[in-house]
């Protein structure tokens, strides 16, 4: 996420990946503009991607 979007829209990459990581039996975190996640269930990736859209509306 660009620093501009963090400032303008209030996006937070750390919060996004933390929530989406739950769908793959994992977690994540990081800074507002850069974060990573990991998990044990790759079959949850399609569900996580579906939910990712909700964070950027």
C-alpha atoms as a PDB file:
ATOM      1  CA  UNK A   1       0.000   0.000   0.000  1.00  0.00           C
ATOM      2  CA  UNK A   2       1.452   3.348  -0.917  1.00  0.00           C
ATOM      3  CA  UNK A   3       2.162   5.857   1.813  1.00  0.00           C
ATOM      4  CA  UNK A   4      -0.231   8.201   0.024  1.00  0.00           C
ATOM      5  CA  UNK A   5      -3.129   5.733   0.357  1.00  0.00           C
ATOM      6  CA  UNK A   6      -2.255   5.178   3.997  1.00  0.00           C
ATOM      7  CA  UNK A   7      -2.492   8.928   4.571  1.00  0.00           C
ATOM      8  CA  UNK A   8      -5.488   9.653   2.315  1.00  0.00           C
ATOM      9  CA  UNK A   9      -7.674   6.574   2.838  1.00  0.00           C
ATOM     10  CA  UNK A  10      -6.470   5.330   6.209  1.00  0.00           C
ATOM     11  CA  UNK A  11      -5.485   1.909   4.840  1.00  0.00           C
ATOM     12  CA  UNK A  12      -3.271  -0.243   7.051  1.00  0.00           C
ATOM     13  CA  UNK A  13      -1.523  -3.210   5.430  1.00  0.00           C
ATOM     14  CA  UNK A  14      -0.741  -4.766   8.818  1.00  0.00           C
ATOM     15  CA  UNK A  15      -4.392  -4.900   9.797  1.00  0.00           C
ATOM     16  CA  UNK A  16      -5.429  -6.193   6.380  1.00  0.00           C
ATOM     17  CA  UNK A  17      -3.021  -9.138   6.312  1.00  0.00           C
ATOM     18  CA  UNK A  18      -3.704  -9.956   9.962  1.00  0.00           C
ATOM     19  CA  UNK A  19      -7.404 -10.399   9.163  1.00  0.00           C
ATOM     20  CA  UNK A  20      -6.863 -12.190   5.854  1.00  0.00           C
ATOM     21  CA  UNK A  21      -4.314 -14.534   7.406  1.00  0.00           C
ATOM     22  CA  UNK A  22      -7.091 -16.051   9.501  1.00  0.00           C
ATOM     23  CA  UNK A  23      -8.529 -17.604   6.333  1.00  0.00           C
ATOM     24  CA  UNK A  24      -5.346 -19.623   5.817  1.00  0.00           C
ATOM     25  CA  UNK A  25      -4.964 -20.664   9.460  1.00  0.00           C
ATOM     26  CA  UNK A  26      -2.244 -18.126   9.977  1.00  0.00           C
ATOM     27  CA  UNK A  27      -1.625 -14.513  10.671  1.00  0.00           C
ATOM     28  CA  UNK A  28       0.408 -11.560   9.670  1.00  0.00           C
ATOM     29  CA  UNK A  29       1.338  -8.031  10.402  1.00  0.00           C
ATOM     30  CA  UNK A  30       3.649  -5.221   9.584  1.00  0.00           C
ATOM     31  CA  UNK A  31       3.684  -1.533   8.969  1.00  0.00           C
ATOM     32  CA  UNK A  32       0.739   0.448   7.617  1.00  0.00           C
ATOM     33  CA  UNK A  33       2.286   0.501   4.129  1.00  0.00           C
ATOM     34  CA  UNK A  34       3.976  -2.942   4.052  1.00  0.00           C
ATOM     35  CA  UNK A  35       3.031  -6.245   5.669  1.00  0.00           C
ATOM     36  CA  UNK A  36       3.347 -10.003   5.206  1.00  0.00           C
ATOM     37  CA  UNK A  37       1.285 -13.018   6.175  1.00  0.00           C
ATOM     38  CA  UNK A  38       1.646 -16.768   6.272  1.00  0.00           C
ATOM     39  CA  UNK A  39      -0.439 -19.760   7.159  1.00  0.00           C
ATOM     40  CA  UNK A  40      -0.922 -23.505   7.068  1.00  0.00           C
ATOM     41  CA  UNK A  41      -3.939 -23.832   4.749  1.00  0.00           C
ATOM     42  CA  UNK A  42      -3.326 -22.786   1.134  1.00  0.00           C
ATOM     43  CA  UNK A  43      -6.886 -23.839   0.270  1.00  0.00           C
ATOM     44  CA  UNK A  44      -8.062 -20.726   2.116  1.00  0.00           C
ATOM     45  CA  UNK A  45      -6.311 -18.380  -0.312  1.00  0.00           C
ATOM     46  CA  UNK A  46      -9.338 -17.947  -2.633  1.00  0.00           C
ATOM     47  CA  UNK A  47     -11.510 -17.027   0.358  1.00  0.00           C
ATOM     48  CA  UNK A  48      -8.867 -14.606   1.625  1.00  0.00           C
ATOM     49  CA  UNK A  49      -8.698 -12.939  -1.785  1.00  0.00           C
ATOM     50  CA  UNK A  50     -12.481 -12.563  -1.870  1.00  0.00           C
ATOM     51  CA  UNK A  51     -12.373 -10.821   1.498  1.00  0.00           C
ATOM     52  CA  UNK A  52      -9.424  -8.648   0.437  1.00  0.00           C
ATOM     53  CA  UNK A  53     -11.723  -6.726  -1.892  1.00  0.00           C
ATOM     54  CA  UNK A  54     -13.728  -5.530   1.107  1.00  0.00           C
ATOM     55  CA  UNK A  55     -10.686  -3.762   2.545  1.00  0.00           C
ATOM     56  CA  UNK A  56     -10.166  -1.542  -0.485  1.00  0.00           C
ATOM     57  CA  UNK A  57     -13.731  -0.477  -1.226  1.00  0.00           C
END
